[in-house]
All heavy atoms as atom14 arrays in JSON, in Angstrom:
{
  "sequence": "LSGALCYGELGAMFPRAGGEYVFLRESFGKGVAFLSGWISLVVG",
  "atom14_mask": [
    [1, 1, 1, 1, 1, 1, 1, 1, 0, 0, 0, 0, 0, 0],
    [1, 1, 1, 1, 1, 1, 0, 0, 0, 0, 0, 0, 0, 0],
    [1, 1, 1, 1, 0, 0, 0, 0, 0, 0, 0, 0, 0, 0],
    [1, 1, 1, 1, 1, 0, 0, 0, 0, 0, 0, 0, 0, 0],
    [1, 1, 1, 1, 1, 1, 1, 1, 0, 0, 0, 0, 0, 0],
    [1, 1, 1, 1, 1, 1, 0, 0, 0, 0, 0, 0, 0, 0],
    [1, 1, 1, 1, 1, 1, 1, 1, 1, 1, 1, 1, 0, 0],
    [1, 1, 1, 1, 0, 0, 0, 0, 0, 0, 0, 0, 0, 0],
    [1, 1, 1, 1, 1, 1, 1, 1, 1, 0, 0, 0, 0, 0],
    [1, 1, 1, 1, 1, 1, 1, 1, 0, 0, 0, 0, 0, 0],
    [1, 1, 1, 1, 0, 0, 0, 0, 0, 0, 0, 0, 0, 0],
    [1, 1, 1, 1, 1, 0, 0, 0, 0, 0, 0, 0, 0, 0],
    [1, 1, 1, 1, 1, 1, 1, 1, 0, 0, 0, 0, 0, 0],
    [1, 1, 1, 1, 1, 1, 1, 1, 1, 1, 1, 0, 0, 0],
    [1, 1, 1, 1, 1, 1, 1, 0, 0, 0, 0, 0, 0, 0],
    [1, 1, 1, 1, 1, 1, 1, 1, 1, 1, 1, 0, 0, 0],
    [1, 1, 1, 1, 1, 0, 0, 0, 0, 0, 0, 0, 0, 0],
    [1, 1, 1, 1, 0, 0, 0, 0, 0, 0, 0, 0, 0, 0],
    [1, 1, 1, 1, 0, 0, 0, 0, 0, 0, 0, 0, 0, 0],
    [1, 1, 1, 1, 1, 1, 1, 1, 1, 0, 0, 0, 0, 0],
    [1, 1, 1, 1, 1, 1, 1, 1, 1, 1, 1, 1, 0, 0],
    [1, 1, 1, 1, 1, 1, 1, 0, 0, 0, 0, 0, 0, 0],
    [1, 1, 1, 1, 1, 1, 1, 1, 1, 1, 1, 0, 0, 0],
    [1, 1, 1, 1, 1, 1, 1, 1, 0, 0, 0, 0, 0, 0],
    [1, 1, 1, 1, 1, 1, 1, 1, 1, 1, 1, 0, 0, 0],
    [1, 1, 1, 1, 1, 1, 1, 1, 1, 0, 0, 0, 0, 0],
    [1, 1, 1, 1, 1, 1, 0, 0, 0, 0, 0, 0, 0, 0],
    [1, 1, 1, 1, 1, 1, 1, 1, 1, 1, 1, 0, 0, 0],
    [1, 1, 1, 1, 0, 0, 0, 0, 0, 0, 0, 0, 0, 0],
    [1, 1, 1, 1, 1, 1, 1, 1, 1, 0, 0, 0, 0, 0],
    [1, 1, 1, 1, 0, 0, 0, 0, 0, 0, 0, 0, 0, 0],
    [1, 1, 1, 1, 1, 1, 1, 0, 0, 0, 0, 0, 0, 0],
    [1, 1, 1, 1, 1, 0, 0, 0, 0, 0, 0, 0, 0, 0],
    [1, 1, 1, 1, 1, 1, 1, 1, 1, 1, 1, 0, 0, 0],
    [1, 1, 1, 1, 1, 1, 1, 1, 0, 0, 0, 0, 0, 0],
    [1, 1, 1, 1, 1, 1, 0, 0, 0, 0, 0, 0, 0, 0],
    [1, 1, 1, 1, 0, 0, 0, 0, 0, 0, 0, 0, 0, 0],
    [1, 1, 1, 1, 1, 1, 1, 1, 1, 1, 1, 1, 1, 1],
    [1, 1, 1, 1, 1, 1, 1, 1, 0, 0, 0, 0, 0, 0],
    [1, 1, 1, 1, 1, 1, 0, 0, 0, 0, 0, 0, 0, 0],
    [1, 1, 1, 1, 1, 1, 1, 1, 0, 0, 0, 0, 0, 0],
    [1, 1, 1, 1, 1, 1, 1, 0, 0, 0, 0, 0, 0, 0],
    [1, 1, 1, 1, 1, 1, 1, 0, 0, 0, 0, 0, 0, 0],
    [1, 1, 1, 1, 0, 0, 0, 0, 0, 0, 0, 0, 0, 0]
  ],
  "atom14_positions": [
    [[13.33, 32.5, 89.34], [13.89, 31.98, 90.58], [14.67, 30.69, 90.33], [15.76, 30.47, 90.88], [12.77, 31.73, 91.59], [13.2, 31.26, 92.98], [14.11, 32.29, 93.65], [11.97, 31.0, 93.85], [0.0, 0.0, 0.0], [0.0, 0.0, 0.0], [0.0, 0.0, 0.0], [0.0, 0.0, 0.0], [0.0, 0.0, 0.0], [0.0, 0.0, 0.0]],
    [[14.13, 29.83, 89.47], [14.84, 28.59, 89.1], [16.16, 28.92, 88.44], [17.19, 28.29, 88.75], [13.97, 27.76, 88.15], [12.74, 27.41, 88.74], [0.0, 0.0, 0.0], [0.0, 0.0, 0.0], [0.0, 0.0, 0.0], [0.0, 0.0, 0.0], [0.0, 0.0, 0.0], [0.0, 0.0, 0.0], [0.0, 0.0, 0.0], [0.0, 0.0, 0.0]],
    [[16.15, 29.88, 87.55], [17.39, 30.28, 86.89], [18.39, 30.86, 87.88], [19.59, 30.56, 87.8], [0.0, 0.0, 0.0], [0.0, 0.0, 0.0], [0.0, 0.0, 0.0], [0.0, 0.0, 0.0], [0.0, 0.0, 0.0], [0.0, 0.0, 0.0], [0.0, 0.0, 0.0], [0.0, 0.0, 0.0], [0.0, 0.0, 0.0], [0.0, 0.0, 0.0]],
    [[17.92, 31.67, 88.83], [18.82, 32.26, 89.82], [19.48, 31.2, 90.68], [20.68, 31.3, 91.01], [18.05, 33.25, 90.7], [0.0, 0.0, 0.0], [0.0, 0.0, 0.0], [0.0, 0.0, 0.0], [0.0, 0.0, 0.0], [0.0, 0.0, 0.0], [0.0, 0.0, 0.0], [0.0, 0.0, 0.0], [0.0, 0.0, 0.0], [0.0, 0.0, 0.0]],
    [[18.73, 30.17, 91.05], [19.3, 29.07, 91.85], [20.4, 28.35, 91.07], [21.44, 27.98, 91.63], [18.21, 28.1, 92.26], [17.2, 28.63, 93.3], [16.0, 27.69, 93.4], [17.87, 28.79, 94.66], [0.0, 0.0, 0.0], [0.0, 0.0, 0.0], [0.0, 0.0, 0.0], [0.0, 0.0, 0.0], [0.0, 0.0, 0.0], [0.0, 0.0, 0.0]],
    [[20.17, 28.14, 89.77], [21.17, 27.46, 88.94], [22.4, 28.35, 88.73], [23.55, 27.88, 88.83], [20.56, 27.09, 87.58], [19.22, 25.89, 87.67], [0.0, 0.0, 0.0], [0.0, 0.0, 0.0], [0.0, 0.0, 0.0], [0.0, 0.0, 0.0], [0.0, 0.0, 0.0], [0.0, 0.0, 0.0], [0.0, 0.0, 0.0], [0.0, 0.0, 0.0]],
    [[22.19, 29.61, 88.47], [23.31, 30.53, 88.27], [24.1, 30.72, 89.55], [25.28, 31.05, 89.53], [22.81, 31.87, 87.75], [22.65, 31.96, 86.25], [21.85, 31.05, 85.57], [23.3, 32.94, 85.52], [21.68, 31.14, 84.19], [23.14, 33.04, 84.14], [22.33, 32.12, 83.48], [22.17, 32.2, 82.12], [0.0, 0.0, 0.0], [0.0, 0.0, 0.0]],
    [[23.43, 30.53, 90.71], [24.14, 30.61, 91.97], [25.23, 29.56, 92.06], [26.34, 29.83, 92.53], [0.0, 0.0, 0.0], [0.0, 0.0, 0.0], [0.0, 0.0, 0.0], [0.0, 0.0, 0.0], [0.0, 0.0, 0.0], [0.0, 0.0, 0.0], [0.0, 0.0, 0.0], [0.0, 0.0, 0.0], [0.0, 0.0, 0.0], [0.0, 0.0, 0.0]],
    [[24.94, 28.35, 91.59], [25.95, 27.29, 91.57], [27.09, 27.65, 90.63], [28.27, 27.5, 90.96], [25.31, 25.96, 91.15], [26.31, 24.84, 91.01], [25.66, 23.48, 90.75], [24.56, 23.22, 91.29], [26.28, 22.66, 90.04], [0.0, 0.0, 0.0], [0.0, 0.0, 0.0], [0.0, 0.0, 0.0], [0.0, 0.0, 0.0], [0.0, 0.0, 0.0]],
    [[26.74, 28.12, 89.43], [27.76, 28.47, 88.44], [28.61, 29.64, 88.9], [29.83, 29.66, 88.73], [27.09, 28.79, 87.11], [26.46, 27.6, 86.38], [25.54, 28.08, 85.27], [27.53, 26.68, 85.83], [0.0, 0.0, 0.0], [0.0, 0.0, 0.0], [0.0, 0.0, 0.0], [0.0, 0.0, 0.0], [0.0, 0.0, 0.0], [0.0, 0.0, 0.0]],
    [[27.96, 30.65, 89.52], [28.69, 31.81, 89.98], [29.66, 31.49, 91.1], [30.75, 32.07, 91.18], [0.0, 0.0, 0.0], [0.0, 0.0, 0.0], [0.0, 0.0, 0.0], [0.0, 0.0, 0.0], [0.0, 0.0, 0.0], [0.0, 0.0, 0.0], [0.0, 0.0, 0.0], [0.0, 0.0, 0.0], [0.0, 0.0, 0.0], [0.0, 0.0, 0.0]],
    [[29.27, 30.56, 91.97], [30.17, 30.14, 93.04], [31.35, 29.33, 92.5], [32.46, 29.39, 93.04], [29.39, 29.31, 94.07], [0.0, 0.0, 0.0], [0.0, 0.0, 0.0], [0.0, 0.0, 0.0], [0.0, 0.0, 0.0], [0.0, 0.0, 0.0], [0.0, 0.0, 0.0], [0.0, 0.0, 0.0], [0.0, 0.0, 0.0], [0.0, 0.0, 0.0]],
    [[31.11, 28.57, 91.42], [32.18, 27.78, 90.81], [33.17, 28.64, 90.04], [34.37, 28.42, 90.08], [31.56, 26.74, 89.86], [30.77, 25.63, 90.53], [29.75, 24.74, 89.34], [30.99, 23.99, 88.29], [0.0, 0.0, 0.0], [0.0, 0.0, 0.0], [0.0, 0.0, 0.0], [0.0, 0.0, 0.0], [0.0, 0.0, 0.0], [0.0, 0.0, 0.0]],
    [[32.63, 29.64, 89.33], [33.46, 30.46, 88.44], [33.25, 31.95, 88.77], [32.57, 32.67, 88.04], [33.09, 30.2, 86.98], [33.05, 28.74, 86.62], [31.86, 28.17, 86.13], [34.15, 27.94, 86.77], [31.81, 26.84, 85.8], [34.11, 26.6, 86.43], [32.94, 26.04, 85.94], [0.0, 0.0, 0.0], [0.0, 0.0, 0.0], [0.0, 0.0, 0.0]],
    [[33.82, 32.42, 89.88], [33.58, 33.81, 90.3], [34.46, 34.79, 89.54], [35.38, 35.4, 90.09], [33.93, 33.77, 91.79], [34.98, 32.71, 91.89], [34.63, 31.67, 90.85], [0.0, 0.0, 0.0], [0.0, 0.0, 0.0], [0.0, 0.0, 0.0], [0.0, 0.0, 0.0], [0.0, 0.0, 0.0], [0.0, 0.0, 0.0], [0.0, 0.0, 0.0]],
    [[34.18, 34.96, 88.26], [34.98, 35.82, 87.43], [34.09, 36.75, 86.62], [32.89, 36.5, 86.44], [35.86, 35.0, 86.47], [36.75, 34.01, 87.18], [37.51, 33.15, 86.2], [38.45, 33.92, 85.41], [39.19, 33.4, 84.43], [39.08, 32.11, 84.13], [40.01, 34.15, 83.75], [0.0, 0.0, 0.0], [0.0, 0.0, 0.0], [0.0, 0.0, 0.0]],
    [[34.65, 37.83, 86.11], [33.89, 38.75, 85.27], [33.44, 38.04, 84.0], [34.21, 37.3, 83.39], [34.75, 39.97, 84.91], [0.0, 0.0, 0.0], [0.0, 0.0, 0.0], [0.0, 0.0, 0.0], [0.0, 0.0, 0.0], [0.0, 0.0, 0.0], [0.0, 0.0, 0.0], [0.0, 0.0, 0.0], [0.0, 0.0, 0.0], [0.0, 0.0, 0.0]],
    [[32.2, 38.25, 83.59], [31.73, 37.71, 82.32], [30.45, 36.93, 82.37], [29.78, 36.77, 81.35], [0.0, 0.0, 0.0], [0.0, 0.0, 0.0], [0.0, 0.0, 0.0], [0.0, 0.0, 0.0], [0.0, 0.0, 0.0], [0.0, 0.0, 0.0], [0.0, 0.0, 0.0], [0.0, 0.0, 0.0], [0.0, 0.0, 0.0], [0.0, 0.0, 0.0]],
    [[30.06, 36.4, 83.54], [28.77, 35.72, 83.67], [28.6, 34.55, 82.72], [29.43, 33.62, 82.71], [0.0, 0.0, 0.0], [0.0, 0.0, 0.0], [0.0, 0.0, 0.0], [0.0, 0.0, 0.0], [0.0, 0.0, 0.0], [0.0, 0.0, 0.0], [0.0, 0.0, 0.0], [0.0, 0.0, 0.0], [0.0, 0.0, 0.0], [0.0, 0.0, 0.0]],
    [[27.56, 34.59, 81.9], [27.24, 33.47, 81.03], [28.38, 33.12, 80.09], [28.58, 31.94, 79.75], [25.98, 33.8, 80.21], [24.7, 33.74, 81.02], [23.54, 34.36, 80.29], [23.76, 35.01, 79.26], [22.4, 34.22, 80.77], [0.0, 0.0, 0.0], [0.0, 0.0, 0.0], [0.0, 0.0, 0.0], [0.0, 0.0, 0.0], [0.0, 0.0, 0.0]],
    [[29.13, 34.11, 79.65], [30.27, 33.82, 78.77], [31.23, 32.86, 79.45], [31.66, 31.87, 78.85], [30.99, 35.12, 78.37], [32.29, 34.82, 77.66], [32.27, 34.41, 76.33], [33.5, 34.88, 78.33], [33.45, 34.09, 75.69], [34.68, 34.56, 77.69], [34.66, 34.17, 76.38], [35.82, 33.83, 75.74], [0.0, 0.0, 0.0], [0.0, 0.0, 0.0]],
    [[31.58, 33.13, 80.7], [32.5, 32.27, 81.44], [31.86, 30.9, 81.68], [32.5, 29.85, 81.5], [32.89, 32.92, 82.78], [33.69, 31.94, 83.64], [33.69, 34.19, 82.54], [0.0, 0.0, 0.0], [0.0, 0.0, 0.0], [0.0, 0.0, 0.0], [0.0, 0.0, 0.0], [0.0, 0.0, 0.0], [0.0, 0.0, 0.0], [0.0, 0.0, 0.0]],
    [[30.59, 30.86, 82.07], [29.93, 29.59, 82.37], [29.88, 28.69, 81.14], [30.17, 27.49, 81.23], [28.49, 29.85, 82.86], [28.39, 30.76, 84.05], [27.22, 31.47, 84.31], [29.46, 30.95, 84.92], [27.11, 32.31, 85.39], [29.37, 31.79, 86.01], [28.2, 32.48, 86.25], [0.0, 0.0, 0.0], [0.0, 0.0, 0.0], [0.0, 0.0, 0.0]],
    [[29.54, 29.26, 79.99], [29.44, 28.45, 78.77], [30.81, 28.07, 78.23], [30.97, 27.01, 77.62], [28.64, 29.22, 77.71], [27.13, 29.24, 77.98], [26.43, 30.22, 77.05], [26.53, 27.86, 77.82], [0.0, 0.0, 0.0], [0.0, 0.0, 0.0], [0.0, 0.0, 0.0], [0.0, 0.0, 0.0], [0.0, 0.0, 0.0], [0.0, 0.0, 0.0]],
    [[31.81, 28.89, 78.46], [33.16, 28.51, 78.04], [33.61, 27.27, 78.79], [34.24, 26.37, 78.23], [34.12, 29.67, 78.3], [35.54, 29.41, 77.74], [36.5, 30.46, 78.23], [36.67, 30.37, 79.67], [37.13, 31.38, 80.41], [37.41, 32.54, 79.86], [37.27, 31.22, 81.71], [0.0, 0.0, 0.0], [0.0, 0.0, 0.0], [0.0, 0.0, 0.0]],
    [[33.26, 27.21, 80.09], [33.68, 26.06, 80.89], [32.88, 24.81, 80.55], [33.39, 23.69, 80.68], [33.52, 26.39, 82.37], [34.34, 27.58, 82.87], [35.83, 27.37, 82.67], [36.29, 26.22, 82.77], [36.54, 28.36, 82.41], [0.0, 0.0, 0.0], [0.0, 0.0, 0.0], [0.0, 0.0, 0.0], [0.0, 0.0, 0.0], [0.0, 0.0, 0.0]],
    [[31.63, 24.96, 80.12], [30.8, 23.79, 79.86], [30.8, 23.35, 78.41], [30.71, 22.15, 78.12], [29.35, 24.05, 80.32], [28.83, 25.19, 79.68], [0.0, 0.0, 0.0], [0.0, 0.0, 0.0], [0.0, 0.0, 0.0], [0.0, 0.0, 0.0], [0.0, 0.0, 0.0], [0.0, 0.0, 0.0], [0.0, 0.0, 0.0], [0.0, 0.0, 0.0]],
    [[30.9, 24.29, 77.47], [30.8, 23.93, 76.05], [31.97, 24.41, 75.2], [32.04, 24.08, 74.02], [29.5, 24.5, 75.46], [28.26, 23.82, 75.95], [27.38, 24.5, 76.79], [27.96, 22.52, 75.58], [26.24, 23.89, 77.26], [26.81, 21.91, 76.05], [25.93, 22.58, 76.88], [0.0, 0.0, 0.0], [0.0, 0.0, 0.0], [0.0, 0.0, 0.0]],
    [[32.88, 25.21, 75.74], [34.0, 25.69, 74.96], [33.81, 27.11, 74.46], [32.76, 27.73, 74.62], [0.0, 0.0, 0.0], [0.0, 0.0, 0.0], [0.0, 0.0, 0.0], [0.0, 0.0, 0.0], [0.0, 0.0, 0.0], [0.0, 0.0, 0.0], [0.0, 0.0, 0.0], [0.0, 0.0, 0.0], [0.0, 0.0, 0.0], [0.0, 0.0, 0.0]],
    [[34.86, 27.62, 73.82], [34.88, 29.03, 73.43], [33.86, 29.41, 72.37], [33.35, 30.52, 72.35], [36.27, 29.41, 72.93], [37.26, 29.73, 74.05], [38.53, 30.31, 73.45], [39.49, 30.76, 74.54], [40.72, 31.35, 73.99], [0.0, 0.0, 0.0], [0.0, 0.0, 0.0], [0.0, 0.0, 0.0], [0.0, 0.0, 0.0], [0.0, 0.0, 0.0]],
    [[33.56, 28.48, 71.45], [32.63, 28.81, 70.37], [31.25, 29.17, 70.89], [30.7, 30.22, 70.56], [0.0, 0.0, 0.0], [0.0, 0.0, 0.0], [0.0, 0.0, 0.0], [0.0, 0.0, 0.0], [0.0, 0.0, 0.0], [0.0, 0.0, 0.0], [0.0, 0.0, 0.0], [0.0, 0.0, 0.0], [0.0, 0.0, 0.0], [0.0, 0.0, 0.0]],
    [[30.7, 28.3, 71.71], [29.37, 28.55, 72.28], [29.43, 29.75, 73.22], [28.5, 30.57, 73.26], [28.85, 27.3, 73.03], [27.53, 27.59, 73.72], [28.71, 26.14, 72.05], [0.0, 0.0, 0.0], [0.0, 0.0, 0.0], [0.0, 0.0, 0.0], [0.0, 0.0, 0.0], [0.0, 0.0, 0.0], [0.0, 0.0, 0.0], [0.0, 0.0, 0.0]],
    [[30.53, 29.87, 73.97], [30.68, 31.0, 74.88], [30.67, 32.32, 74.11], [30.06, 33.3, 74.53], [31.97, 30.87, 75.68], [0.0, 0.0, 0.0], [0.0, 0.0, 0.0], [0.0, 0.0, 0.0], [0.0, 0.0, 0.0], [0.0, 0.0, 0.0], [0.0, 0.0, 0.0], [0.0, 0.0, 0.0], [0.0, 0.0, 0.0], [0.0, 0.0, 0.0]],
    [[31.35, 32.34, 72.97], [31.37, 33.55, 72.16], [29.96, 33.95, 71.74], [29.59, 35.14, 71.78], [32.25, 33.38, 70.93], [32.22, 34.57, 70.01], [33.07, 35.64, 70.21], [31.3, 34.63, 68.97], [33.03, 36.74, 69.38], [31.26, 35.75, 68.13], [32.11, 36.8, 68.34], [0.0, 0.0, 0.0], [0.0, 0.0, 0.0], [0.0, 0.0, 0.0]],
    [[29.17, 32.98, 71.31], [27.8, 33.29, 70.88], [27.0, 33.88, 72.03], [26.2, 34.79, 71.84], [27.11, 32.03, 70.34], [27.65, 31.5, 69.0], [26.89, 30.25, 68.59], [27.56, 32.56, 67.92], [0.0, 0.0, 0.0], [0.0, 0.0, 0.0], [0.0, 0.0, 0.0], [0.0, 0.0, 0.0], [0.0, 0.0, 0.0], [0.0, 0.0, 0.0]],
    [[27.22, 33.36, 73.22], [26.55, 33.93, 74.4], [26.99, 35.37, 74.63], [26.17, 36.25, 74.92], [26.85, 33.09, 75.64], [26.39, 33.73, 76.81], [0.0, 0.0, 0.0], [0.0, 0.0, 0.0], [0.0, 0.0, 0.0], [0.0, 0.0, 0.0], [0.0, 0.0, 0.0], [0.0, 0.0, 0.0], [0.0, 0.0, 0.0], [0.0, 0.0, 0.0]],
    [[28.29, 35.61, 74.52], [28.8, 36.96, 74.69], [28.29, 37.9, 73.61], [27.97, 39.07, 73.87], [0.0, 0.0, 0.0], [0.0, 0.0, 0.0], [0.0, 0.0, 0.0], [0.0, 0.0, 0.0], [0.0, 0.0, 0.0], [0.0, 0.0, 0.0], [0.0, 0.0, 0.0], [0.0, 0.0, 0.0], [0.0, 0.0, 0.0], [0.0, 0.0, 0.0]],
    [[28.17, 37.39, 72.4], [27.63, 38.17, 71.3], [26.17, 38.54, 71.58], [25.75, 39.68, 71.35], [27.75, 37.37, 70.01], [27.15, 38.02, 68.81], [25.9, 37.8, 68.28], [27.77, 38.99, 67.96], [25.71, 38.58, 67.17], [26.83, 39.31, 66.95], [29.02, 39.62, 67.97], [27.12, 40.25, 65.94], [29.3, 40.54, 66.97], [28.36, 40.84, 65.98]],
    [[25.41, 37.57, 72.07], [24.01, 37.84, 72.44], [23.95, 38.9, 73.54], [23.12, 39.81, 73.52], [23.31, 36.54, 72.89], [23.11, 35.61, 71.69], [21.96, 36.84, 73.55], [22.62, 34.22, 72.07], [0.0, 0.0, 0.0], [0.0, 0.0, 0.0], [0.0, 0.0, 0.0], [0.0, 0.0, 0.0], [0.0, 0.0, 0.0], [0.0, 0.0, 0.0]],
    [[24.86, 38.78, 74.51], [24.9, 39.78, 75.58], [25.18, 41.17, 75.03], [24.56, 42.15, 75.44], [25.96, 39.41, 76.63], [25.59, 38.27, 77.33], [0.0, 0.0, 0.0], [0.0, 0.0, 0.0], [0.0, 0.0, 0.0], [0.0, 0.0, 0.0], [0.0, 0.0, 0.0], [0.0, 0.0, 0.0], [0.0, 0.0, 0.0], [0.0, 0.0, 0.0]],
    [[26.12, 41.24, 74.09], [26.49, 42.54, 73.54], [25.32, 43.21, 72.84], [25.0, 44.37, 73.1], [27.66, 42.36, 72.55], [28.09, 43.6, 71.75], [28.56, 44.68, 72.68], [29.18, 43.23, 70.75], [0.0, 0.0, 0.0], [0.0, 0.0, 0.0], [0.0, 0.0, 0.0], [0.0, 0.0, 0.0], [0.0, 0.0, 0.0], [0.0, 0.0, 0.0]],
    [[24.63, 42.45, 71.96], [23.57, 43.05, 71.14], [22.23, 43.03, 71.86], [21.52, 44.03, 71.91], [23.47, 42.31, 69.78], [22.38, 42.94, 68.93], [24.81, 42.34, 69.06], [0.0, 0.0, 0.0], [0.0, 0.0, 0.0], [0.0, 0.0, 0.0], [0.0, 0.0, 0.0], [0.0, 0.0, 0.0], [0.0, 0.0, 0.0], [0.0, 0.0, 0.0]],
    [[21.87, 41.86, 72.43], [20.52, 41.65, 72.94], [20.45, 41.76, 74.46], [19.5, 42.3, 75.02], [19.99, 40.27, 72.5], [18.53, 40.11, 72.9], [20.16, 40.07, 71.01], [0.0, 0.0, 0.0], [0.0, 0.0, 0.0], [0.0, 0.0, 0.0], [0.0, 0.0, 0.0], [0.0, 0.0, 0.0], [0.0, 0.0, 0.0], [0.0, 0.0, 0.0]],
    [[21.46, 41.23, 75.15], [21.37, 41.16, 76.6], [21.5, 42.51, 77.27], [20.9, 42.74, 78.33], [0.0, 0.0, 0.0], [0.0, 0.0, 0.0], [0.0, 0.0, 0.0], [0.0, 0.0, 0.0], [0.0, 0.0, 0.0], [0.0, 0.0, 0.0], [0.0, 0.0, 0.0], [0.0, 0.0, 0.0], [0.0, 0.0, 0.0], [0.0, 0.0, 0.0]]
  ]
}
């Protein structure tokens, strides 16, 4: 529930396809965002 509340803020700010990849690209840049997307591909 805590995570959903936080992602609600991020989703409203960046309403685009990609979820965590988009959120981390905006906060930490493409490198960290790529790792998140990679995790999503294999693990998520």
